[in-house]
Amino acid sequence: MVRLGINARERRRMHDLNDALDELRAVIPYAHGPSVRKLSKIATLLLAKNYILMQASIRWRFHPTQRTQRNEGKQRKKRKLQPIGTELSSFQLNSSF
């Protein structure tokens, strides 16, 4: 009896997780359609992560006045560590999966 309850909770948890991933797939940009295979769980999470990073990069690039001094210090430190020409392009951000 106890095992049946545990199995039911796990099944419910997995259904909730799959529903959340389906909702995430609906809002991140990728090819939707009947001929396109559904993204795996890990591919969905990686695509969402890369999309968020790309959006943040665009926001920082076009709205520099919204940066805090702390973030500017971090950016300067990162730039010092990277040789010229090694900044990530949006293609590289999207090609990690």
PDB file of N, CA and C in Angstrom:
ATOM      1  N   MET A   1       0.815  -1.198   0.000  1.00  0.00           N
ATOM      2  CA  MET A   1       0.000   0.000   0.000  1.00  0.00           C
ATOM      3  C   MET A   1       0.860   1.263   0.000  1.00  0.00           C
ATOM      4  N   VAL A   2       1.908   1.266   0.824  1.00  0.00           N
ATOM      5  CA  VAL A   2       2.779   2.436   0.895  1.00  0.00           C
ATOM      6  C   VAL A   2       3.443   2.664  -0.464  1.00  0.00           C
ATOM      7  N   ARG A   3       3.883   1.576  -1.091  1.00  0.00           N
ATOM      8  CA  ARG A   3       4.558   1.679  -2.385  1.00  0.00           C
ATOM      9  C   ARG A   3       3.629   2.266  -3.441  1.00  0.00           C
ATOM     10  N   LEU A   4       2.343   1.928  -3.407  1.00  0.00           N
ATOM     11  CA  LEU A   4       1.378   2.480  -4.368  1.00  0.00           C
ATOM     12  C   LEU A   4       1.275   3.994  -4.222  1.00  0.00           C
ATOM     13  N   GLY A   5       1.293   4.479  -2.998  1.00  0.00           N
ATOM     14  CA  GLY A   5       1.246   5.922  -2.750  1.00  0.00           C
ATOM     15  C   GLY A   5       2.499   6.626  -3.249  1.00  0.00           C
ATOM     16  N   ILE A   6       3.646   5.987  -3.006  1.00  0.00           N
ATOM     17  CA  ILE A   6       4.917   6.549  -3.469  1.00  0.00           C
ATOM     18  C   ILE A   6       4.940   6.604  -5.000  1.00  0.00           C
ATOM     19  N   ASN A   7       4.502   5.523  -5.648  1.00  0.00           N
ATOM     20  CA  ASN A   7       4.456   5.486  -7.109  1.00  0.00           C
ATOM     21  C   ASN A   7       3.516   6.551  -7.669  1.00  0.00           C
ATOM     22  N   ALA A   8       2.380   6.737  -7.026  1.00  0.00           N
ATOM     23  CA  ALA A   8       1.410   7.741  -7.481  1.00  0.00           C
ATOM     24  C   ALA A   8       1.994   9.150  -7.364  1.00  0.00           C
ATOM     25  N   ARG A   9       2.695   9.435  -6.258  1.00  0.00           N
ATOM     26  CA  ARG A   9       3.334  10.760  -6.098  1.00  0.00           C
ATOM     27  C   ARG A   9       4.403  10.982  -7.157  1.00  0.00           C
ATOM     28  N   GLU A  10       5.195   9.962  -7.429  1.00  0.00           N
ATOM     29  CA  GLU A  10       6.245  10.075  -8.438  1.00  0.00           C
ATOM     30  C   GLU A  10       5.643  10.290  -9.828  1.00  0.00           C
ATOM     31  N   ARG A  11       4.578   9.569 -10.137  1.00  0.00           N
ATOM     32  CA  ARG A  11       3.891   9.738 -11.423  1.00  0.00           C
ATOM     33  C   ARG A  11       3.359  11.159 -11.562  1.00  0.00           C
ATOM     34  N   ARG A  12       2.763  11.674 -10.486  1.00  0.00           N
ATOM     35  CA  ARG A  12       2.234  13.047 -10.480  1.00  0.00           C
ATOM     36  C   ARG A  12       3.367  14.061 -10.657  1.00  0.00           C
ATOM     37  N   ARG A  13       4.480  13.820  -9.982  1.00  0.00           N
ATOM     38  CA  ARG A  13       5.640  14.709 -10.087  1.00  0.00           C
ATOM     39  C   ARG A  13       6.159  14.747 -11.523  1.00  0.00           C
ATOM     40  N   MET A  14       6.265  13.582 -12.152  1.00  0.00           N
ATOM     41  CA  MET A  14       6.747  13.521 -13.531  1.00  0.00           C
ATOM     42  C   MET A  14       5.765  14.182 -14.500  1.00  0.00           C
ATOM     43  N   HIS A  15       4.477  14.012 -14.266  1.00  0.00           N
ATOM     44  CA  HIS A  15       3.481  14.689 -15.108  1.00  0.00           C
ATOM     45  C   HIS A  15       3.614  16.202 -14.968  1.00  0.00           C
ATOM     46  N   ASP A  16       3.795  16.684 -13.743  1.00  0.00           N
ATOM     47  CA  ASP A  16       3.974  18.119 -13.511  1.00  0.00           C
ATOM     48  C   ASP A  16       5.237  18.632 -14.200  1.00  0.00           C
ATOM     49  N   LEU A  17       6.314  17.878 -14.104  1.00  0.00           N
ATOM     50  CA  LEU A  17       7.568  18.265 -14.755  1.00  0.00           C
ATOM     51  C   LEU A  17       7.393  18.320 -16.268  1.00  0.00           C
ATOM     52  N   ASN A  18       6.756  17.305 -16.841  1.00  0.00           N
ATOM     53  CA  ASN A  18       6.538  17.275 -18.290  1.00  0.00           C
ATOM     54  C   ASN A  18       5.619  18.413 -18.737  1.00  0.00           C
ATOM     55  N   ASP A  19       4.602  18.733 -17.939  1.00  0.00           N
ATOM     56  CA  ASP A  19       3.724  19.862 -18.263  1.00  0.00           C
ATOM     57  C   ASP A  19       4.504  21.171 -18.260  1.00  0.00           C
ATOM     58  N   ALA A  20       5.390  21.343 -17.272  1.00  0.00           N
ATOM     59  CA  ALA A  20       6.203  22.558 -17.195  1.00  0.00           C
ATOM     60  C   ALA A  20       7.148  22.649 -18.401  1.00  0.00           C
ATOM     61  N   LEU A  21       7.749  21.548 -18.795  1.00  0.00           N
ATOM     62  CA  LEU A  21       8.632  21.548 -19.962  1.00  0.00           C
ATOM     63  C   LEU A  21       7.858  21.847 -21.240  1.00  0.00           C
ATOM     64  N   ASP A  22       6.644  21.339 -21.355  1.00  0.00           N
ATOM     65  CA  ASP A  22       5.803  21.654 -22.518  1.00  0.00           C
ATOM     66  C   ASP A  22       5.489  23.146 -22.571  1.00  0.00           C
ATOM     67  N   GLU A  23       5.209  23.743 -21.419  1.00  0.00           N
ATOM     68  CA  GLU A  23       4.958  25.183 -21.372  1.00  0.00           C
ATOM     69  C   GLU A  23       6.210  25.962 -21.763  1.00  0.00           C
ATOM     70  N   LEU A  24       7.371  25.508 -21.315  1.00  0.00           N
ATOM     71  CA  LEU A  24       8.632  26.153 -21.674  1.00  0.00           C
ATOM     72  C   LEU A  24       8.883  26.043 -23.173  1.00  0.00           C
ATOM     73  N   ARG A  25       8.635  24.870 -23.748  1.00  0.00           N
ATOM     74  CA  ARG A  25       8.814  24.687 -25.195  1.00  0.00           C
ATOM     75  C   ARG A  25       7.914  25.630 -25.984  1.00  0.00           C
ATOM     76  N   ALA A  26       6.741  25.943 -25.434  1.00  0.00           N
ATOM     77  CA  ALA A  26       5.786  26.806 -26.131  1.00  0.00           C
ATOM     78  C   ALA A  26       6.259  28.254 -26.201  1.00  0.00           C
ATOM     79  N   VAL A  27       7.123  28.681 -25.277  1.00  0.00           N
ATOM     80  CA  VAL A  27       7.520  30.093 -25.256  1.00  0.00           C
ATOM     81  C   VAL A  27       8.939  30.355 -25.749  1.00  0.00           C
ATOM     82  N   ILE A  28       9.765  29.320 -25.895  1.00  0.00           N
ATOM     83  CA  ILE A  28      11.107  29.562 -26.422  1.00  0.00           C
ATOM     84  C   ILE A  28      11.071  29.395 -27.939  1.00  0.00           C
ATOM     85  N   PRO A  29      11.871  30.207 -28.638  1.00  0.00           N
ATOM     86  CA  PRO A  29      11.829  30.150 -30.105  1.00  0.00           C
ATOM     87  C   PRO A  29      12.577  28.934 -30.656  1.00  0.00           C
ATOM     88  N   TYR A  30      11.854  28.111 -31.345  1.00  0.00           N
ATOM     89  CA  TYR A  30      12.426  27.020 -32.125  1.00  0.00           C
ATOM     90  C   TYR A  30      11.352  26.584 -33.099  1.00  0.00           C
ATOM     91  N   ALA A  31      11.708  25.793 -34.081  1.00  0.00           N
ATOM     92  CA  ALA A  31      10.760  25.408 -35.122  1.00  0.00           C
ATOM     93  C   ALA A  31       9.664  24.512 -34.535  1.00  0.00           C
ATOM     94  N   HIS A  32       8.433  24.982 -34.623  1.00  0.00           N
ATOM     95  CA  HIS A  32       7.277  24.199 -34.189  1.00  0.00           C
ATOM     96  C   HIS A  32       6.604  23.623 -35.435  1.00  0.00           C
ATOM     97  N   GLY A  33       5.957  22.541 -35.308  1.00  0.00           N
ATOM     98  CA  GLY A  33       5.212  21.993 -36.432  1.00  0.00           C
ATOM     99  C   GLY A  33       5.128  20.486 -36.355  1.00  0.00           C
ATOM    100  N   PRO A  34       4.225  19.926 -37.134  1.00  0.00           N
ATOM    101  CA  PRO A  34       4.026  18.475 -37.083  1.00  0.00           C
ATOM    102  C   PRO A  34       5.232  17.691 -37.594  1.00  0.00           C
ATOM    103  N   SER A  35       6.013  18.277 -38.494  1.00  0.00           N
ATOM    104  CA  SER A  35       7.162  17.544 -39.038  1.00  0.00           C
ATOM    105  C   SER A  35       8.428  17.734 -38.206  1.00  0.00           C
ATOM    106  N   VAL A  36       8.366  18.575 -37.170  1.00  0.00           N
ATOM    107  CA  VAL A  36       9.528  18.837 -36.324  1.00  0.00           C
ATOM    108  C   VAL A  36       9.427  18.004 -35.057  1.00  0.00           C
ATOM    109  N   ARG A  37      10.497  17.292 -34.755  1.00  0.00           N
ATOM    110  CA  ARG A  37      10.525  16.456 -33.553  1.00  0.00           C
ATOM    111  C   ARG A  37      10.505  17.301 -32.292  1.00  0.00           C
ATOM    112  N   LYS A  38       9.807  16.831 -31.268  1.00  0.00           N
ATOM    113  CA  LYS A  38       9.762  17.540 -29.997  1.00  0.00           C
ATOM    114  C   LYS A  38      11.139  17.514 -29.348  1.00  0.00           C
ATOM    115  N   LEU A  39      11.534  18.662 -28.760  1.00  0.00           N
ATOM    116  CA  LEU A  39      12.830  18.741 -28.096  1.00  0.00           C
ATOM    117  C   LEU A  39      12.852  17.836 -26.862  1.00  0.00           C
ATOM    118  N   SER A  40      14.003  17.246 -26.608  1.00  0.00           N
ATOM    119  CA  SER A  40      14.162  16.447 -25.394  1.00  0.00           C
ATOM    120  C   SER A  40      14.167  17.377 -24.183  1.00  0.00           C
ATOM    121  N   LYS A  41      14.119  16.808 -23.003  1.00  0.00           N
ATOM    122  CA  LYS A  41      14.133  17.610 -21.774  1.00  0.00           C
ATOM    123  C   LYS A  41      15.416  18.420 -21.679  1.00  0.00           C
ATOM    124  N   ILE A  42      16.548  17.780 -21.909  1.00  0.00           N
ATOM    125  CA  ILE A  42      17.826  18.478 -21.780  1.00  0.00           C
ATOM    126  C   ILE A  42      17.982  19.514 -22.874  1.00  0.00           C
ATOM    127  N   ALA A  43      17.555  19.210 -24.104  1.00  0.00           N
ATOM    128  CA  ALA A  43      17.641  20.181 -25.199  1.00  0.00           C
ATOM    129  C   ALA A  43      16.755  21.389 -24.908  1.00  0.00           C
ATOM    130  N   THR A  44      15.586  21.162 -24.311  1.00  0.00           N
ATOM    131  CA  THR A  44      14.692  22.264 -23.949  1.00  0.00           C
ATOM    132  C   THR A  44      15.349  23.168 -22.925  1.00  0.00           C
ATOM    133  N   LEU A  45      15.946  22.574 -21.909  1.00  0.00           N
ATOM    134  CA  LEU A  45      16.600  23.379 -20.868  1.00  0.00           C
ATOM    135  C   LEU A  45      17.811  24.136 -21.411  1.00  0.00           C
ATOM    136  N   LEU A  46      18.614  23.489 -22.246  1.00  0.00           N
ATOM    137  CA  LEU A  46      19.775  24.162 -22.830  1.00  0.00           C
ATOM    138  C   LEU A  46      19.348  25.305 -23.755  1.00  0.00           C
ATOM    139  N   LEU A  47      18.325  25.077 -24.567  1.00  0.00           N
ATOM    140  CA  LEU A  47      17.840  26.121 -25.456  1.00  0.00           C
ATOM    141  C   LEU A  47      17.297  27.300 -24.649  1.00  0.00           C
ATOM    142  N   ALA A  48      16.561  27.017 -23.585  1.00  0.00           N
ATOM    143  CA  ALA A  48      16.031  28.085 -22.729  1.00  0.00           C
ATOM    144  C   ALA A  48      17.171  28.864 -22.081  1.00  0.00           C
ATOM    145  N   LYS A  49      18.179  28.159 -21.585  1.00  0.00           N
ATOM    146  CA  LYS A  49      19.333  28.822 -20.959  1.00  0.00           C
ATOM    147  C   LYS A  49      20.040  29.722 -21.956  1.00  0.00           C
ATOM    148  N   ASN A  50      20.305  29.214 -23.155  1.00  0.00           N
ATOM    149  CA  ASN A  50      21.000  29.995 -24.171  1.00  0.00           C
ATOM    150  C   ASN A  50      20.164  31.173 -24.650  1.00  0.00           C
ATOM    151  N   TYR A  51      18.857  30.989 -24.734  1.00  0.00           N
ATOM    152  CA  TYR A  51      17.964  32.085 -25.130  1.00  0.00           C
ATOM    153  C   TYR A  51      17.995  33.200 -24.074  1.00  0.00           C
ATOM    154  N   ILE A  52      17.978  32.828 -22.816  1.00  0.00           N
ATOM    155  CA  ILE A  52      18.046  33.814 -21.734  1.00  0.00           C
ATOM    156  C   ILE A  52      19.380  34.550 -21.769  1.00  0.00           C
ATOM    157  N   LEU A  53      20.479  33.827 -21.971  1.00  0.00           N
ATOM    158  CA  LEU A  53      21.794  34.464 -22.071  1.00  0.00           C
ATOM    159  C   LEU A  53      21.859  35.430 -23.252  1.00  0.00           C
ATOM    160  N   MET A  54      21.297  35.024 -24.388  1.00  0.00           N
ATOM    161  CA  MET A  54      21.291  35.888 -25.556  1.00  0.00           C
ATOM    162  C   MET A  54      20.472  37.151 -25.298  1.00  0.00           C
ATOM    163  N   GLN A  55      19.293  36.987 -24.685  1.00  0.00           N
ATOM    164  CA  GLN A  55      18.450  38.144 -24.379  1.00  0.00           C
ATOM    165  C   GLN A  55      19.149  39.085 -23.402  1.00  0.00           C
ATOM    166  N   ALA A  56      19.823  38.533 -22.414  1.00  0.00           N
ATOM    167  CA  ALA A  56      20.551  39.361 -21.443  1.00  0.00           C
ATOM    168  C   ALA A  56      21.686  40.107 -22.136  1.00  0.00           C
ATOM    169  N   SER A  57      22.374  39.435 -23.048  1.00  0.00           N
ATOM    170  CA  SER A  57      23.465  40.060 -23.785  1.00  0.00           C
ATOM    171  C   SER A  57      22.948  41.222 -24.622  1.00  0.00           C
ATOM    172  N   ILE A  58      21.839  41.024 -25.285  1.00  0.00           N
ATOM    173  CA  ILE A  58      21.232  42.081 -26.097  1.00  0.00           C
ATOM    174  C   ILE A  58      20.801  43.241 -25.209  1.00  0.00           C
ATOM    175  N   ARG A  59      20.203  42.926 -24.093  1.00  0.00           N
ATOM    176  CA  ARG A  59      19.751  43.986 -23.185  1.00  0.00           C
ATOM    177  C   ARG A  59      20.936  44.823 -22.695  1.00  0.00           C
ATOM    178  N   TRP A  60      22.012  44.150 -22.299  1.00  0.00           N
ATOM    179  CA  TRP A  60      23.185  44.887 -21.817  1.00  0.00           C
ATOM    180  C   TRP A  60      23.807  45.711 -22.938  1.00  0.00           C
ATOM    181  N   ARG A  61      23.785  45.177 -24.140  1.00  0.00           N
ATOM    182  CA  ARG A  61      24.400  45.879 -25.264  1.00  0.00           C
ATOM    183  C   ARG A  61      23.621  47.144 -25.632  1.00  0.00           C
ATOM    184  N   PHE A  62      22.291  47.076 -25.603  1.00  0.00           N
ATOM    185  CA  PHE A  62      21.470  48.195 -26.050  1.00  0.00           C
ATOM    186  C   PHE A  62      20.957  49.082 -24.924  1.00  0.00           C
ATOM    187  N   HIS A  63      21.110  48.661 -23.683  1.00  0.00           N
ATOM    188  CA  HIS A  63      20.670  49.457 -22.538  1.00  0.00           C
ATOM    189  C   HIS A  63      21.783  49.551 -21.505  1.00  0.00           C
ATOM    190  N   PRO A  64      22.922  50.102 -21.879  1.00  0.00           N
ATOM    191  CA  PRO A  64      24.064  50.119 -20.952  1.00  0.00           C
ATOM    192  C   PRO A  64      23.832  50.986 -19.720  1.00  0.00           C
ATOM    193  N   THR A  65      22.904  51.945 -19.775  1.00  0.00           N
ATOM    194  CA  THR A  65      22.678  52.808 -18.622  1.00  0.00           C
ATOM    195  C   THR A  65      22.003  52.070 -17.482  1.00  0.00           C
ATOM    196  N   GLN A  66      21.444  50.908 -17.753  1.00  0.00           N
ATOM    197  CA  GLN A  66      20.776  50.134 -16.710  1.00  0.00           C
ATOM    198  C   GLN A  66      21.742  49.235 -15.945  1.00  0.00           C
ATOM    199  N   ARG A  67      22.991  49.209 -16.351  1.00  0.00           N
ATOM    200  CA  ARG A  67      23.977  48.390 -15.645  1.00  0.00           C
ATOM    201  C   ARG A  67      24.278  48.999 -14.278  1.00  0.00           C
ATOM    202  N   THR A  68      24.534  48.153 -13.354  1.00  0.00           N
ATOM    203  CA  THR A  68      24.974  48.639 -12.053  1.00  0.00           C
ATOM    204  C   THR A  68      26.490  48.733 -12.062  1.00  0.00           C
ATOM    205  N   GLN A  69      27.056  49.499 -11.150  1.00  0.00           N
ATOM    206  CA  GLN A  69      28.507  49.610 -11.094  1.00  0.00           C
ATOM    207  C   GLN A  69      29.148  48.258 -10.823  1.00  0.00           C
ATOM    208  N   ARG A  70      28.494  47.447 -10.037  1.00  0.00           N
ATOM    209  CA  ARG A  70      29.031  46.123  -9.724  1.00  0.00           C
ATOM    210  C   ARG A  70      29.136  45.271 -10.985  1.00  0.00           C
ATOM    211  N   ASN A  71      28.079  45.284 -11.802  1.00  0.00           N
ATOM    212  CA  ASN A  71      28.102  44.510 -13.040  1.00  0.00           C
ATOM    213  C   ASN A  71      29.146  45.049 -14.009  1.00  0.00           C
ATOM    214  N   GLU A  72      29.324  46.367 -14.060  1.00  0.00           N
ATOM    215  CA  GLU A  72      30.330  46.938 -14.938  1.00  0.00           C
ATOM    216  C   GLU A  72      31.725  46.475 -14.521  1.00  0.00           C
ATOM    217  N   GLY A  73      31.976  46.403 -13.214  1.00  0.00           N
ATOM    218  CA  GLY A  73      33.260  45.911 -12.734  1.00  0.00           C
ATOM    219  C   GLY A  73      33.489  44.473 -13.149  1.00  0.00           C
ATOM    220  N   LYS A  74      32.463  43.656 -13.075  1.00  0.00           N
ATOM    221  CA  LYS A  74      32.590  42.256 -13.497  1.00  0.00           C
ATOM    222  C   LYS A  74      32.878  42.175 -14.990  1.00  0.00           C
ATOM    223  N   GLN A  75      32.178  43.013 -15.779  1.00  0.00           N
ATOM    224  CA  GLN A  75      32.403  43.004 -17.224  1.00  0.00           C
ATOM    225  C   GLN A  75      33.844  43.395 -17.551  1.00  0.00           C
ATOM    226  N   ARG A  76      34.366  44.428 -16.874  1.00  0.00           N
ATOM    227  CA  ARG A  76      35.735  44.854 -17.129  1.00  0.00           C
ATOM    228  C   ARG A  76      36.729  43.747 -16.792  1.00  0.00           C
ATOM    229  N   LYS A  77      36.505  43.064 -15.679  1.00  0.00           N
ATOM    230  CA  LYS A  77      37.398  41.971 -15.297  1.00  0.00           C
ATOM    231  C   LYS A  77      37.367  40.858 -16.329  1.00  0.00           C
ATOM    232  N   LYS A  78      36.176  40.516 -16.820  1.00  0.00           N
ATOM    233  CA  LYS A  78      36.056  39.463 -17.822  1.00  0.00           C
ATOM    234  C   LYS A  78      36.770  39.863 -19.104  1.00  0.00           C
ATOM    235  N   ARG A  79      36.627  41.114 -19.502  1.00  0.00           N
ATOM    236  CA  ARG A  79      37.277  41.567 -20.732  1.00  0.00           C
ATOM    237  C   ARG A  79      38.790  41.487 -20.621  1.00  0.00           C
ATOM    238  N   LYS A  80      39.328  41.760 -19.460  1.00  0.00           N
ATOM    239  CA  LYS A  80      40.779  41.708 -19.288  1.00  0.00           C
ATOM    240  C   LYS A  80      41.295  40.279 -19.460  1.00  0.00           C
ATOM    241  N   LEU A  81      40.468  39.310 -19.106  1.00  0.00           N
ATOM    242  CA  LEU A  81      40.907  37.928 -19.166  1.00  0.00           C
ATOM    243  C   LEU A  81      40.780  37.317 -20.552  1.00  0.00           C
ATOM    244  N   GLN A  82      39.957  37.940 -21.440  1.00  0.00           N
ATOM    245  CA  GLN A  82      39.737  37.377 -22.760  1.00  0.00           C
ATOM    246  C   GLN A  82      40.615  38.063 -23.802  1.00  0.00           C
ATOM    247  N   PRO A  83      41.333  37.296 -24.619  1.00  0.00           N
ATOM    248  CA  PRO A  83      42.062  37.905 -25.727  1.00  0.00           C
ATOM    249  C   PRO A  83      41.082  38.537 -26.707  1.00  0.00           C
ATOM    250  N   ILE A  84      41.533  39.495 -27.469  1.00  0.00           N
ATOM    251  CA  ILE A  84      40.672  40.183 -28.435  1.00  0.00           C
ATOM    252  C   ILE A  84      40.131  39.180 -29.436  1.00  0.00           C
ATOM    253  N   GLY A  85      38.838  39.329 -29.755  1.00  0.00           N
ATOM    254  CA  GLY A  85      38.207  38.477 -30.756  1.00  0.00           C
ATOM    255  C   GLY A  85      37.664  37.167 -30.225  1.00  0.00           C
ATOM    256  N   THR A  86      37.619  36.989 -28.913  1.00  0.00           N
ATOM    257  CA  THR A  86      37.124  35.718 -28.372  1.00  0.00           C
ATOM    258  C   THR A  86      35.764  35.859 -27.704  1.00  0.00           C
ATOM    259  N   GLU A  87      35.106  37.004 -27.861  1.00  0.00           N
ATOM    260  CA  GLU A  87      33.774  37.154 -27.263  1.00  0.00           C
ATOM    261  C   GLU A  87      32.813  36.201 -27.956  1.00  0.00           C
ATOM    262  N   LEU A  88      31.826  35.724 -27.216  1.00  0.00           N
ATOM    263  CA  LEU A  88      30.863  34.778 -27.763  1.00  0.00           C
ATOM    264  C   LEU A  88      29.892  35.483 -28.693  1.00  0.00           C
ATOM    265  N   SER A  89      29.680  34.913 -29.846  1.00  0.00           N
ATOM    266  CA  SER A  89      28.657  35.433 -30.751  1.00  0.00           C
ATOM    267  C   SER A  89      27.340  34.758 -30.406  1.00  0.00           C
ATOM    268  N   SER A  90      26.237  35.286 -30.945  1.00  0.00           N
ATOM    269  CA  SER A  90      24.940  34.668 -30.674  1.00  0.00           C
ATOM    270  C   SER A  90      24.891  33.267 -31.265  1.00  0.00           C
ATOM    271  N   PHE A  91      25.624  33.017 -32.355  1.00  0.00           N
ATOM    272  CA  PHE A  91      25.670  31.681 -32.921  1.00  0.00           C
ATOM    273  C   PHE A  91      26.299  30.709 -31.941  1.00  0.00           C
ATOM    274  N   GLN A  92      27.398  31.104 -31.315  1.00  0.00           N
ATOM    275  CA  GLN A  92      28.055  30.219 -30.359  1.00  0.00           C
ATOM    276  C   GLN A  92      27.168  29.964 -29.168  1.00  0.00           C
ATOM    277  N   LEU A  93      26.398  30.967 -28.750  1.00  0.00           N
ATOM    278  CA  LEU A  93      25.493  30.766 -27.626  1.00  0.00           C
ATOM    279  C   LEU A  93      24.442  29.738 -27.965  1.00  0.00           C
ATOM    280  N   ASN A  94      23.980  29.749 -29.222  1.00  0.00           N
ATOM    281  CA  ASN A  94      22.900  28.850 -29.626  1.00  0.00           C
ATOM    282  C   ASN A  94      23.395  27.488 -30.069  1.00  0.00           C
ATOM    283  N   SER A  95      24.686  27.300 -30.210  1.00  0.00           N
ATOM    284  CA  SER A  95      25.170  26.028 -30.752  1.00  0.00           C
ATOM    285  C   SER A  95      25.725  25.091 -29.692  1.00  0.00           C
ATOM    286  N   SER A  96      25.428  25.341 -28.424  1.00  0.00           N
ATOM    287  CA  SER A  96      26.014  24.500 -27.384  1.00  0.00           C
ATOM    288  C   SER A  96      25.250  23.214 -27.135  1.00  0.00           C
ATOM    289  N   PHE A  97      24.212  22.940 -27.886  1.00  0.00           N
ATOM    290  CA  PHE A  97      23.514  21.662 -27.708  1.00  0.00           C
ATOM    291  C   PHE A  97      23.394  21.002 -28.994  1.00  0.00           C
TER     292      PHE A  97
END
